[in-house]
Structures are given as C-alpha cells and as structure tokens.
N, C-alpha and C. Protein backbone atom coordinates (compact mmCIF):
# COMPACT_ATOMS: atom_id res chain seq x y z
N MET A 1 -31.74 -33.12 -62.70
CA MET A 1 -31.17 -31.50 -62.28
C MET A 1 -30.63 -31.94 -60.86
N GLU A 2 -29.66 -31.81 -60.62
CA GLU A 2 -28.67 -31.92 -59.16
C GLU A 2 -29.07 -30.78 -58.18
N GLU A 3 -29.57 -31.19 -57.13
CA GLU A 3 -29.72 -30.52 -56.12
C GLU A 3 -28.97 -29.90 -55.51
N LYS A 4 -28.53 -28.41 -55.13
CA LYS A 4 -27.81 -27.96 -54.89
C LYS A 4 -27.34 -27.93 -53.45
N TYR A 5 -28.09 -27.67 -52.58
CA TYR A 5 -28.37 -28.06 -51.06
C TYR A 5 -28.46 -29.37 -50.77
N ASN A 6 -27.35 -29.97 -50.21
CA ASN A 6 -27.55 -31.62 -49.76
C ASN A 6 -27.63 -31.97 -48.51
N TYR A 7 -27.40 -30.98 -47.65
CA TYR A 7 -27.54 -31.15 -46.33
C TYR A 7 -27.69 -29.66 -45.11
N TYR A 8 -28.68 -29.93 -44.65
CA TYR A 8 -29.38 -28.97 -43.76
C TYR A 8 -29.80 -29.36 -42.53
N ASN A 9 -29.77 -28.02 -41.37
CA ASN A 9 -30.44 -28.32 -40.25
C ASN A 9 -31.23 -27.09 -39.94
N ASP A 10 -31.03 -26.76 -38.78
CA ASP A 10 -31.89 -25.74 -38.34
C ASP A 10 -31.31 -24.65 -38.57
N ASP A 11 -29.78 -24.37 -38.37
CA ASP A 11 -28.39 -23.62 -38.97
C ASP A 11 -28.33 -23.41 -39.76
N PHE A 12 -27.28 -24.50 -40.77
CA PHE A 12 -26.55 -24.58 -41.77
C PHE A 12 -26.96 -25.47 -43.04
N VAL A 13 -26.84 -25.05 -43.91
CA VAL A 13 -26.72 -25.75 -45.10
C VAL A 13 -25.59 -25.94 -45.64
N ILE A 14 -25.51 -26.90 -46.47
CA ILE A 14 -23.86 -27.40 -46.87
C ILE A 14 -24.45 -27.76 -48.40
N CYS A 15 -23.47 -27.18 -49.32
CA CYS A 15 -23.68 -27.12 -50.64
C CYS A 15 -22.21 -27.50 -51.30
N ARG A 16 -22.63 -28.40 -52.59
CA ARG A 16 -21.31 -28.50 -53.15
C ARG A 16 -20.85 -27.32 -54.00
N ALA A 17 -19.78 -27.02 -53.79
CA ALA A 17 -19.51 -25.89 -55.20
C ALA A 17 -19.17 -25.66 -56.39
N SER A 18 -19.26 -24.49 -56.65
CA SER A 18 -19.42 -24.33 -58.42
C SER A 18 -17.91 -23.48 -58.41
N MET A 19 -17.65 -23.23 -59.97
CA MET A 19 -16.33 -22.58 -60.51
C MET A 19 -16.87 -21.32 -59.91
N ASP A 20 -18.21 -20.85 -60.04
CA ASP A 20 -18.26 -19.30 -59.20
C ASP A 20 -17.86 -19.16 -57.99
N ASP A 21 -17.54 -20.33 -57.00
CA ASP A 21 -17.16 -19.90 -55.58
C ASP A 21 -15.61 -19.95 -55.24
N ALA A 22 -15.28 -20.26 -56.65
CA ALA A 22 -13.68 -20.64 -56.64
C ALA A 22 -13.14 -19.35 -55.48
N GLY A 23 -13.50 -18.19 -55.72
CA GLY A 23 -12.64 -17.01 -55.41
C GLY A 23 -13.74 -16.79 -53.66
N LEU A 24 -14.88 -17.06 -53.46
CA LEU A 24 -14.86 -16.95 -51.80
C LEU A 24 -14.30 -18.19 -51.47
N ILE A 25 -13.82 -19.19 -51.87
CA ILE A 25 -13.06 -20.09 -50.69
C ILE A 25 -11.85 -20.18 -50.68
N TYR A 26 -11.33 -19.56 -51.61
CA TYR A 26 -9.95 -18.85 -51.23
C TYR A 26 -9.60 -17.83 -50.19
N ASP A 27 -10.97 -16.64 -50.81
CA ASP A 27 -10.62 -15.85 -49.69
C ASP A 27 -11.04 -16.36 -48.26
N MET A 28 -12.33 -17.62 -48.36
CA MET A 28 -12.32 -18.27 -46.92
C MET A 28 -10.83 -18.21 -46.14
N MET A 29 -10.21 -19.28 -46.88
CA MET A 29 -8.93 -20.03 -46.85
C MET A 29 -7.88 -19.28 -46.23
N MET A 30 -8.02 -17.97 -46.83
CA MET A 30 -6.55 -16.92 -46.64
C MET A 30 -7.45 -15.92 -44.94
N GLU A 31 -8.62 -16.15 -44.70
CA GLU A 31 -8.95 -15.37 -44.20
C GLU A 31 -8.91 -15.81 -42.89
N VAL A 32 -9.13 -17.13 -42.83
CA VAL A 32 -9.01 -18.18 -41.97
C VAL A 32 -7.44 -18.46 -41.33
N TYR A 33 -6.75 -18.92 -42.62
CA TYR A 33 -5.15 -18.78 -42.15
C TYR A 33 -4.48 -17.37 -41.52
N SER A 34 -4.92 -15.98 -42.20
CA SER A 34 -4.16 -14.80 -41.39
C SER A 34 -4.30 -14.86 -40.08
N GLY A 35 -5.40 -15.56 -39.46
CA GLY A 35 -6.09 -14.74 -38.30
C GLY A 35 -5.81 -16.13 -37.34
N LEU A 36 -5.02 -17.29 -37.94
CA LEU A 36 -4.17 -18.53 -36.69
C LEU A 36 -3.51 -17.83 -36.01
N GLU A 37 -3.32 -18.16 -34.87
CA GLU A 37 -1.91 -17.79 -34.27
C GLU A 37 -0.93 -18.58 -34.68
N ASP A 38 -1.33 -19.91 -34.61
CA ASP A 38 0.14 -21.08 -35.21
C ASP A 38 -0.25 -21.58 -36.88
N LYS A 39 0.60 -20.63 -37.37
CA LYS A 39 0.26 -21.14 -38.81
C LYS A 39 0.32 -22.41 -39.22
N SER A 40 1.53 -22.89 -38.69
CA SER A 40 1.69 -23.99 -39.13
C SER A 40 0.46 -25.31 -39.45
N VAL A 41 -0.20 -25.04 -38.39
CA VAL A 41 -1.37 -26.02 -38.54
C VAL A 41 -2.60 -25.85 -39.68
N LEU A 42 -2.30 -25.13 -40.74
CA LEU A 42 -2.65 -25.26 -41.97
C LEU A 42 -2.05 -25.05 -43.21
N VAL A 43 -2.10 -25.57 -43.76
CA VAL A 43 -1.40 -25.37 -45.29
C VAL A 43 -2.30 -25.06 -46.28
N CYS A 44 -2.55 -24.12 -46.97
CA CYS A 44 -3.47 -23.47 -47.93
C CYS A 44 -3.22 -23.26 -49.41
N GLY A 45 -3.87 -24.04 -50.27
CA GLY A 45 -3.38 -23.76 -51.72
C GLY A 45 -3.90 -22.56 -52.38
N ASP A 46 -2.89 -22.20 -53.76
CA ASP A 46 -3.77 -21.31 -54.15
C ASP A 46 -5.13 -21.33 -55.02
N ILE A 47 -5.30 -20.00 -55.76
CA ILE A 47 -6.23 -20.12 -56.32
C ILE A 47 -6.67 -21.27 -57.29
N ASP A 48 -5.18 -21.48 -57.88
CA ASP A 48 -5.43 -22.67 -59.06
C ASP A 48 -5.82 -23.56 -58.05
N TYR A 49 -5.35 -23.77 -57.30
CA TYR A 49 -5.27 -25.14 -56.61
C TYR A 49 -7.11 -25.05 -56.38
N VAL A 50 -7.81 -24.87 -55.84
CA VAL A 50 -9.10 -24.25 -56.03
C VAL A 50 -9.83 -24.79 -56.70
N ARG A 51 -9.61 -24.00 -57.80
CA ARG A 51 -10.13 -23.96 -59.14
C ARG A 51 -9.79 -25.70 -59.68
N ARG A 52 -9.03 -25.98 -59.55
CA ARG A 52 -8.12 -27.37 -60.03
C ARG A 52 -9.29 -28.35 -59.64
N ASN A 53 -9.59 -28.14 -58.42
CA ASN A 53 -10.23 -29.21 -56.98
C ASN A 53 -11.77 -29.22 -57.79
N ILE A 54 -12.05 -27.85 -57.95
CA ILE A 54 -13.60 -27.67 -58.24
C ILE A 54 -13.84 -28.08 -59.55
N GLU A 55 -13.03 -28.06 -60.70
CA GLU A 55 -13.64 -28.06 -61.91
C GLU A 55 -12.83 -29.68 -62.43
N ASP A 56 -11.73 -30.35 -62.09
CA ASP A 56 -11.35 -31.40 -62.56
C ASP A 56 -11.02 -32.48 -61.40
N THR A 57 -10.01 -32.33 -60.34
CA THR A 57 -9.77 -33.35 -59.66
C THR A 57 -10.15 -33.50 -58.10
N GLY A 58 -11.53 -33.05 -57.98
CA GLY A 58 -12.16 -33.04 -56.84
C GLY A 58 -13.67 -32.15 -56.86
N PHE A 59 -13.64 -32.22 -55.34
CA PHE A 59 -14.91 -30.86 -55.54
C PHE A 59 -14.88 -30.39 -53.98
N ALA A 60 -15.42 -29.49 -53.66
CA ALA A 60 -15.52 -28.30 -52.40
C ALA A 60 -16.75 -28.29 -52.09
N LEU A 61 -16.98 -28.67 -51.01
CA LEU A 61 -18.09 -28.06 -49.90
C LEU A 61 -18.19 -26.69 -49.36
N ILE A 62 -19.01 -26.23 -49.10
CA ILE A 62 -19.56 -24.67 -48.56
C ILE A 62 -20.48 -24.63 -47.42
N ALA A 63 -20.35 -24.70 -46.46
CA ALA A 63 -21.79 -25.05 -44.94
C ALA A 63 -22.05 -23.01 -45.13
N TYR A 64 -23.15 -22.98 -45.06
CA TYR A 64 -23.70 -21.50 -44.81
C TYR A 64 -24.77 -21.60 -43.75
N HIS A 65 -24.39 -20.19 -43.38
CA HIS A 65 -25.63 -19.93 -42.10
C HIS A 65 -26.83 -19.76 -42.73
N LYS A 66 -27.65 -20.27 -42.11
CA LYS A 66 -28.79 -20.03 -42.72
C LYS A 66 -29.69 -18.76 -42.17
N GLU A 67 -28.99 -18.68 -40.69
CA GLU A 67 -29.91 -17.32 -39.79
C GLU A 67 -29.66 -16.31 -40.48
N SER A 68 -28.38 -16.05 -40.97
CA SER A 68 -27.86 -14.95 -41.80
C SER A 68 -28.84 -14.27 -43.03
N MET A 69 -28.78 -13.05 -42.63
CA MET A 69 -29.86 -12.51 -44.04
C MET A 69 -29.22 -13.04 -45.64
N THR A 70 -27.82 -13.24 -45.53
CA THR A 70 -27.37 -13.56 -46.36
C THR A 70 -26.55 -14.85 -46.86
N MET A 71 -27.19 -15.86 -45.94
CA MET A 71 -26.47 -17.01 -45.92
C MET A 71 -25.29 -17.19 -45.91
N GLU A 72 -24.80 -16.19 -44.57
CA GLU A 72 -23.34 -16.44 -44.47
C GLU A 72 -22.21 -17.13 -44.95
N PRO A 73 -21.35 -17.10 -45.54
CA PRO A 73 -20.48 -18.53 -45.39
C PRO A 73 -19.48 -18.75 -44.05
N ALA A 74 -19.63 -19.97 -43.89
CA ALA A 74 -19.56 -20.35 -42.64
C ALA A 74 -17.87 -21.52 -42.52
N GLY A 75 -17.41 -21.99 -43.46
CA GLY A 75 -16.60 -22.94 -43.86
C GLY A 75 -16.78 -23.79 -44.66
N ILE A 76 -15.64 -24.34 -45.66
CA ILE A 76 -15.34 -24.84 -46.69
C ILE A 76 -14.48 -26.58 -46.47
N PHE A 77 -14.89 -27.03 -47.38
CA PHE A 77 -14.07 -28.04 -47.06
C PHE A 77 -13.64 -29.12 -48.60
N VAL A 78 -12.28 -29.09 -49.09
CA VAL A 78 -11.72 -29.35 -49.98
C VAL A 78 -11.81 -30.56 -50.20
N PHE A 79 -12.06 -31.69 -51.10
CA PHE A 79 -11.73 -33.00 -51.38
C PHE A 79 -10.82 -33.10 -52.48
N GLU A 80 -10.02 -33.71 -53.07
CA GLU A 80 -9.18 -33.77 -53.74
C GLU A 80 -9.07 -35.54 -54.41
N TYR A 81 -9.18 -35.64 -55.43
CA TYR A 81 -9.06 -36.97 -55.85
C TYR A 81 -7.51 -37.04 -56.41
N PRO A 82 -6.44 -37.82 -56.35
CA PRO A 82 -5.01 -37.62 -56.12
C PRO A 82 -4.59 -38.30 -57.65
N GLY A 83 -5.33 -39.49 -57.61
CA GLY A 83 -4.56 -40.59 -58.31
C GLY A 83 -3.26 -40.92 -58.67
N GLU A 84 -2.63 -41.06 -59.25
CA GLU A 84 -1.52 -41.25 -59.21
C GLU A 84 -0.11 -40.49 -59.10
N SER A 85 -0.23 -39.47 -58.11
CA SER A 85 0.28 -38.29 -58.21
C SER A 85 1.05 -38.57 -57.37
N GLU A 86 2.48 -37.88 -56.89
CA GLU A 86 3.73 -38.26 -55.81
C GLU A 86 2.79 -37.85 -54.71
N ASP A 87 2.22 -36.80 -54.79
CA ASP A 87 1.72 -36.36 -53.40
C ASP A 87 0.43 -37.33 -53.09
N ASN A 88 0.16 -38.68 -53.34
CA ASN A 88 -0.96 -39.14 -53.07
C ASN A 88 -0.63 -39.74 -51.85
N LEU A 89 -1.39 -39.54 -50.39
CA LEU A 89 -1.29 -39.99 -49.23
C LEU A 89 -1.02 -41.38 -49.51
N GLY A 90 -1.97 -42.59 -50.42
CA GLY A 90 -1.37 -43.78 -50.47
C GLY A 90 -0.09 -44.62 -50.65
N ASN A 91 0.56 -43.47 -51.57
CA ASN A 91 2.14 -43.52 -51.32
C ASN A 91 3.01 -43.96 -49.85
N ASP A 92 2.13 -42.98 -49.10
CA ASP A 92 3.02 -42.83 -47.97
C ASP A 92 2.86 -44.59 -47.45
N ILE A 93 1.80 -45.00 -47.44
CA ILE A 93 0.94 -46.18 -46.84
C ILE A 93 1.36 -47.61 -47.33
N GLY A 94 2.15 -47.76 -49.26
CA GLY A 94 2.46 -48.66 -49.71
C GLY A 94 1.24 -49.10 -50.47
N LEU A 95 0.13 -48.54 -50.82
CA LEU A 95 -0.60 -48.38 -51.43
C LEU A 95 -0.36 -49.19 -53.24
N THR A 96 -0.84 -49.75 -53.60
CA THR A 96 -0.40 -50.26 -55.12
C THR A 96 -0.92 -49.39 -56.10
N LYS A 97 -0.31 -49.50 -57.28
CA LYS A 97 -0.43 -48.35 -58.31
C LYS A 97 -2.44 -48.46 -58.44
N GLU A 98 -2.81 -49.55 -58.77
CA GLU A 98 -4.09 -49.60 -58.76
C GLU A 98 -5.21 -49.20 -57.58
N GLU A 99 -4.34 -49.09 -56.17
CA GLU A 99 -5.52 -48.65 -55.13
C GLU A 99 -5.15 -47.32 -55.11
N LEU A 100 -3.88 -46.78 -55.61
CA LEU A 100 -3.65 -45.40 -55.63
C LEU A 100 -4.98 -44.44 -56.23
N LEU A 101 -5.74 -45.46 -56.91
CA LEU A 101 -6.55 -44.63 -57.93
C LEU A 101 -8.10 -44.35 -57.43
N LYS A 102 -7.72 -45.82 -56.39
CA LYS A 102 -9.10 -45.11 -55.34
C LYS A 102 -8.92 -44.64 -54.27
N VAL A 103 -8.18 -43.59 -54.00
CA VAL A 103 -8.06 -42.97 -53.16
C VAL A 103 -8.43 -40.98 -52.85
N VAL A 104 -9.10 -40.48 -51.90
CA VAL A 104 -9.67 -39.42 -51.92
C VAL A 104 -9.02 -38.54 -50.77
N HIS A 105 -8.63 -37.66 -51.03
CA HIS A 105 -7.88 -36.71 -50.09
C HIS A 105 -8.75 -36.00 -49.29
N MET A 106 -9.09 -36.04 -48.25
CA MET A 106 -9.95 -34.75 -47.78
C MET A 106 -9.23 -33.74 -47.10
N ASP A 107 -8.88 -32.99 -47.93
CA ASP A 107 -7.56 -31.76 -47.93
C ASP A 107 -7.99 -30.88 -47.39
N THR A 108 -8.23 -29.28 -47.65
CA THR A 108 -8.57 -28.47 -46.77
C THR A 108 -9.81 -28.19 -46.14
N VAL A 109 -9.66 -27.84 -44.66
CA VAL A 109 -11.19 -27.59 -44.14
C VAL A 109 -10.60 -26.44 -43.30
N VAL A 110 -11.42 -25.50 -43.26
CA VAL A 110 -11.33 -23.94 -42.46
C VAL A 110 -13.08 -23.87 -42.42
N VAL A 111 -13.30 -23.08 -40.92
CA VAL A 111 -14.24 -22.70 -40.13
C VAL A 111 -14.04 -21.26 -39.91
N ARG A 112 -14.57 -20.78 -40.27
CA ARG A 112 -14.52 -19.16 -39.89
C ARG A 112 -14.81 -18.97 -38.50
N SER A 113 -14.00 -18.57 -37.66
CA SER A 113 -14.21 -18.24 -36.08
C SER A 113 -15.77 -18.23 -35.24
N LYS A 114 -16.28 -17.13 -35.55
CA LYS A 114 -17.33 -16.91 -34.99
C LYS A 114 -18.36 -18.09 -35.63
N PHE A 115 -18.17 -19.32 -36.13
CA PHE A 115 -18.60 -20.04 -36.39
C PHE A 115 -18.22 -21.59 -36.22
N ARG A 116 -17.09 -21.56 -35.44
CA ARG A 116 -16.52 -22.70 -34.84
C ARG A 116 -17.25 -23.04 -33.47
N GLY A 117 -17.61 -24.64 -32.80
CA GLY A 117 -18.18 -25.17 -32.24
C GLY A 117 -20.04 -25.37 -32.74
N HIS A 118 -19.66 -26.01 -33.84
CA HIS A 118 -20.70 -26.27 -34.46
C HIS A 118 -20.39 -27.60 -35.18
N HIS A 119 -19.51 -27.90 -35.20
CA HIS A 119 -19.58 -29.33 -35.48
C HIS A 119 -19.10 -29.39 -37.12
N LEU A 120 -19.14 -28.15 -37.31
CA LEU A 120 -19.07 -27.78 -39.19
C LEU A 120 -18.11 -28.82 -39.40
N GLN A 121 -16.93 -28.89 -38.98
CA GLN A 121 -16.06 -29.94 -39.97
C GLN A 121 -16.57 -31.50 -40.14
N LYS A 122 -16.93 -31.83 -38.90
CA LYS A 122 -17.61 -32.94 -39.17
C LYS A 122 -18.82 -33.03 -39.92
N ARG A 123 -19.80 -31.76 -39.99
CA ARG A 123 -21.21 -32.10 -40.92
C ARG A 123 -20.35 -32.17 -42.43
N MET A 124 -19.36 -31.30 -42.54
CA MET A 124 -19.05 -31.02 -44.36
C MET A 124 -18.29 -32.46 -44.43
N LEU A 125 -17.52 -33.03 -43.20
CA LEU A 125 -16.80 -34.59 -43.75
C LEU A 125 -17.72 -35.43 -44.05
N GLU A 126 -19.34 -35.89 -43.03
CA GLU A 126 -20.09 -36.39 -43.20
C GLU A 126 -21.32 -36.23 -44.96
N GLU A 127 -20.81 -35.12 -45.19
CA GLU A 127 -21.42 -35.08 -46.47
C GLU A 127 -20.59 -35.26 -47.70
N GLY A 128 -19.70 -34.95 -47.36
CA GLY A 128 -18.19 -35.35 -48.34
C GLY A 128 -18.36 -36.50 -48.78
N GLU A 129 -18.57 -37.20 -47.30
CA GLU A 129 -18.41 -38.86 -47.96
C GLU A 129 -19.73 -39.60 -48.48
N ARG A 130 -20.82 -38.60 -48.35
CA ARG A 130 -22.17 -39.14 -48.96
C ARG A 130 -21.64 -38.60 -50.27
N GLN A 131 -20.74 -38.06 -50.66
CA GLN A 131 -21.02 -37.70 -52.16
C GLN A 131 -19.81 -37.99 -53.27
N ILE A 132 -19.06 -39.04 -52.31
CA ILE A 132 -17.92 -39.96 -52.80
C ILE A 132 -18.31 -41.16 -53.31
N ASP A 133 -18.17 -41.64 -54.48
CA ASP A 133 -18.61 -42.71 -55.07
C ASP A 133 -18.02 -43.94 -54.48
N ASN A 134 -18.94 -44.55 -53.71
CA ASN A 134 -18.10 -45.82 -52.80
C ASN A 134 -17.64 -46.95 -53.65
N ASN A 135 -18.04 -46.79 -55.01
CA ASN A 135 -17.97 -48.22 -56.15
C ASN A 135 -16.60 -47.74 -56.60
N ARG A 136 -16.46 -46.19 -56.73
CA ARG A 136 -15.04 -46.37 -57.48
C ARG A 136 -13.86 -45.67 -56.47
N TYR A 137 -14.08 -45.05 -55.28
CA TYR A 137 -13.01 -44.67 -54.50
C TYR A 137 -13.26 -45.70 -52.73
N ARG A 138 -11.93 -45.69 -52.62
CA ARG A 138 -12.19 -46.90 -50.85
C ARG A 138 -11.52 -46.77 -49.66
N TYR A 139 -9.89 -45.40 -50.31
CA TYR A 139 -9.36 -44.94 -49.08
C TYR A 139 -9.35 -43.07 -49.01
N LEU A 140 -10.46 -42.96 -47.97
CA LEU A 140 -10.58 -41.54 -47.62
C LEU A 140 -9.42 -40.81 -46.21
N MET A 141 -8.60 -40.57 -47.29
CA MET A 141 -7.22 -40.51 -46.39
C MET A 141 -7.48 -38.66 -46.19
N ALA A 142 -6.59 -38.03 -44.77
CA ALA A 142 -6.69 -37.03 -44.62
C ALA A 142 -4.69 -36.47 -43.74
N THR A 143 -4.57 -35.30 -43.54
CA THR A 143 -3.61 -34.88 -42.63
C THR A 143 -3.90 -33.97 -41.74
N ALA A 144 -3.31 -34.22 -40.43
CA ALA A 144 -3.94 -33.11 -39.70
C ALA A 144 -2.71 -33.42 -38.49
N ALA A 145 -2.46 -32.06 -38.23
CA ALA A 145 -1.26 -31.80 -37.17
C ALA A 145 -1.45 -32.62 -35.51
N PRO A 146 -0.78 -33.04 -34.97
CA PRO A 146 -0.86 -33.54 -33.96
C PRO A 146 -1.50 -32.67 -32.81
N TYR A 147 -1.00 -31.54 -32.92
CA TYR A 147 -1.35 -30.65 -31.64
C TYR A 147 -2.69 -30.30 -32.11
N ASN A 148 -3.61 -30.27 -33.34
CA ASN A 148 -4.68 -29.80 -34.11
C ASN A 148 -5.80 -30.46 -33.47
N LYS A 149 -6.01 -30.26 -31.84
CA LYS A 149 -6.64 -31.23 -31.59
C LYS A 149 -8.63 -31.19 -31.98
N PRO A 150 -8.91 -30.13 -32.34
CA PRO A 150 -10.56 -30.70 -32.95
C PRO A 150 -10.23 -31.01 -34.01
N SER A 151 -9.50 -30.84 -35.21
CA SER A 151 -9.15 -31.62 -36.66
C SER A 151 -9.24 -32.95 -36.08
N LEU A 152 -8.04 -33.73 -35.20
CA LEU A 152 -7.54 -35.11 -34.65
C LEU A 152 -9.29 -35.74 -34.45
N ASN A 153 -10.08 -34.77 -33.34
CA ASN A 153 -11.22 -35.38 -32.66
C ASN A 153 -12.43 -35.70 -34.02
N THR A 154 -12.09 -34.90 -34.91
CA THR A 154 -13.27 -35.29 -35.85
C THR A 154 -13.16 -36.15 -36.41
N PHE A 155 -11.79 -36.85 -37.62
CA PHE A 155 -11.48 -37.78 -37.45
C PHE A 155 -11.40 -38.80 -36.85
N TRP A 156 -11.22 -38.92 -35.87
CA TRP A 156 -11.26 -40.03 -34.82
C TRP A 156 -12.67 -40.58 -34.15
N GLY A 157 -13.61 -39.04 -33.86
CA GLY A 157 -14.72 -39.62 -34.01
C GLY A 157 -15.31 -40.21 -34.85
N SER A 158 -15.13 -40.10 -35.94
CA SER A 158 -15.72 -40.55 -37.38
C SER A 158 -15.27 -42.15 -37.96
N GLY A 159 -14.20 -42.43 -37.06
CA GLY A 159 -13.89 -43.97 -37.39
C GLY A 159 -12.50 -43.76 -38.31
N TYR A 160 -12.26 -42.78 -38.26
CA TYR A 160 -10.74 -42.76 -39.31
C TYR A 160 -9.55 -43.06 -38.01
N ARG A 161 -8.21 -43.71 -38.43
CA ARG A 161 -7.19 -44.24 -37.60
C ARG A 161 -5.85 -43.40 -38.46
N ILE A 162 -4.92 -43.52 -37.27
CA ILE A 162 -3.56 -43.15 -37.73
C ILE A 162 -3.13 -44.10 -38.65
N MET A 163 -2.52 -44.11 -39.60
CA MET A 163 -1.72 -44.97 -40.30
C MET A 163 -0.39 -44.85 -40.59
N LYS A 164 -0.02 -43.46 -40.38
CA LYS A 164 1.58 -43.26 -40.30
C LYS A 164 1.84 -41.82 -39.99
N VAL A 165 2.61 -41.60 -39.17
CA VAL A 165 3.49 -40.22 -38.89
C VAL A 165 4.67 -39.95 -39.70
N LYS A 166 4.43 -39.05 -40.16
CA LYS A 166 5.93 -38.27 -40.92
C LYS A 166 5.56 -36.97 -40.81
N LYS A 167 7.34 -36.66 -40.91
CA LYS A 167 7.12 -35.18 -40.76
C LYS A 167 7.10 -34.20 -42.31
N SER A 168 6.46 -33.27 -42.08
CA SER A 168 6.12 -32.66 -43.29
C SER A 168 6.99 -31.40 -43.56
N MET A 169 6.40 -30.47 -44.71
CA MET A 169 7.08 -29.50 -44.97
C MET A 169 7.16 -28.75 -44.17
N ALA A 170 5.87 -28.36 -43.51
CA ALA A 170 5.66 -27.56 -42.02
C ALA A 170 6.58 -27.72 -41.04
N GLY A 171 7.09 -28.56 -41.30
CA GLY A 171 8.07 -29.19 -39.94
C GLY A 171 7.40 -29.61 -38.74
N TRP A 172 6.13 -30.16 -39.06
CA TRP A 172 5.22 -31.06 -37.84
C TRP A 172 5.08 -32.04 -38.44
N GLN A 173 4.65 -33.18 -37.42
CA GLN A 173 4.49 -34.63 -37.96
C GLN A 173 2.67 -35.13 -37.98
N GLU A 174 2.83 -35.47 -38.84
CA GLU A 174 1.50 -35.68 -39.47
C GLU A 174 0.71 -36.80 -39.31
N PRO A 175 -0.25 -37.39 -38.53
CA PRO A 175 -0.73 -38.35 -38.76
C PRO A 175 -1.94 -38.53 -40.08
N TYR A 176 -1.49 -39.40 -40.26
CA TYR A 176 -2.36 -40.46 -41.96
C TYR A 176 -3.74 -40.91 -41.35
N CYS A 177 -5.11 -40.21 -41.79
CA CYS A 177 -6.15 -41.30 -40.95
C CYS A 177 -6.65 -41.85 -42.76
C-alpha cells in the first residue's frame, strides 16, 4: 500500500494528490492568482490541466499545515511529464527526441499567502524530486519570471541553473532551469 504522507516535519505534511484533490488544487491556484498584484508571474492551467496531470501526465503534491484543526492546505506543486509535446521545455535547449522523453516539468507551484516564509516551494520541490523515477527521467525543468525572486532563489538554491532566456506568452523573460 502506498503511503499517502511522504514528507513531514513539525509544521507541515506533504502528500501526493489524488483525483479527489483536483478541485482543491485548482481552487488554490485561482485563490493565489487572484491575490497577486502582478499576475504575470503565474500562469495557471484550467481544471482539465490539473486532472490530466494527476491522472495521466504527471502528479501533484499538496502541503498541509498540521497545526490547523483540519490540516489546512498551504501550497501545491504540479509536476508534468511532457513527452514529445511541442510545449516540452527540452525543445528550447535542443534535446533529442529520445532525451525529450526524459524531461519532467516542475510546472505550477503556489503557496497561500499566510504560509509564505516556510520554504514550502523548496520542501515540495525536494519531495517531488524524491518521487520522480531517476531511471526514467533525467531532465528536471521549470520556468520562472526573472523578477519572481522567491521562485528563482528556490531553484538556484537547489542546484538548478538557467539554460535559456526566452520571451513568453505573458510577455516576460523566462529562465529555464
């Protein structure tokens, strides 16, 4: 039987999401997005994106605050296996077709405002890295707006590096890590 809770410390528990969590994940993405002063720092998918990643093309993690009576959701992180799709970030750095199949996107991550400052993005990133099959996947890639310092610092502090800077649909430059 798969253990639901993979990572925990005194304050938070991080677990892999199930299809039952798709609505919660989507609602949290929309909550965080609506509260952003600069909405160009976050691109969110729709509910189908969330369901597709949980069921078929990836997985998602949810961080819960343990001190809350109901284990209040604090953050989410969606990981995607893009395969040979045009959206595979490996295309931007010249990976071969064979290498594209070894790419994982560390895609959407949000942390509710009242839980910021607890390094939840880093904690969820580390748990996601543990859950990825290293025999099958080799390239972990993400995008971040250059002025989204907390996200950039998380990736840099975790050993990721910028592979390419590119103008995106949102109009800002994205470093690929």
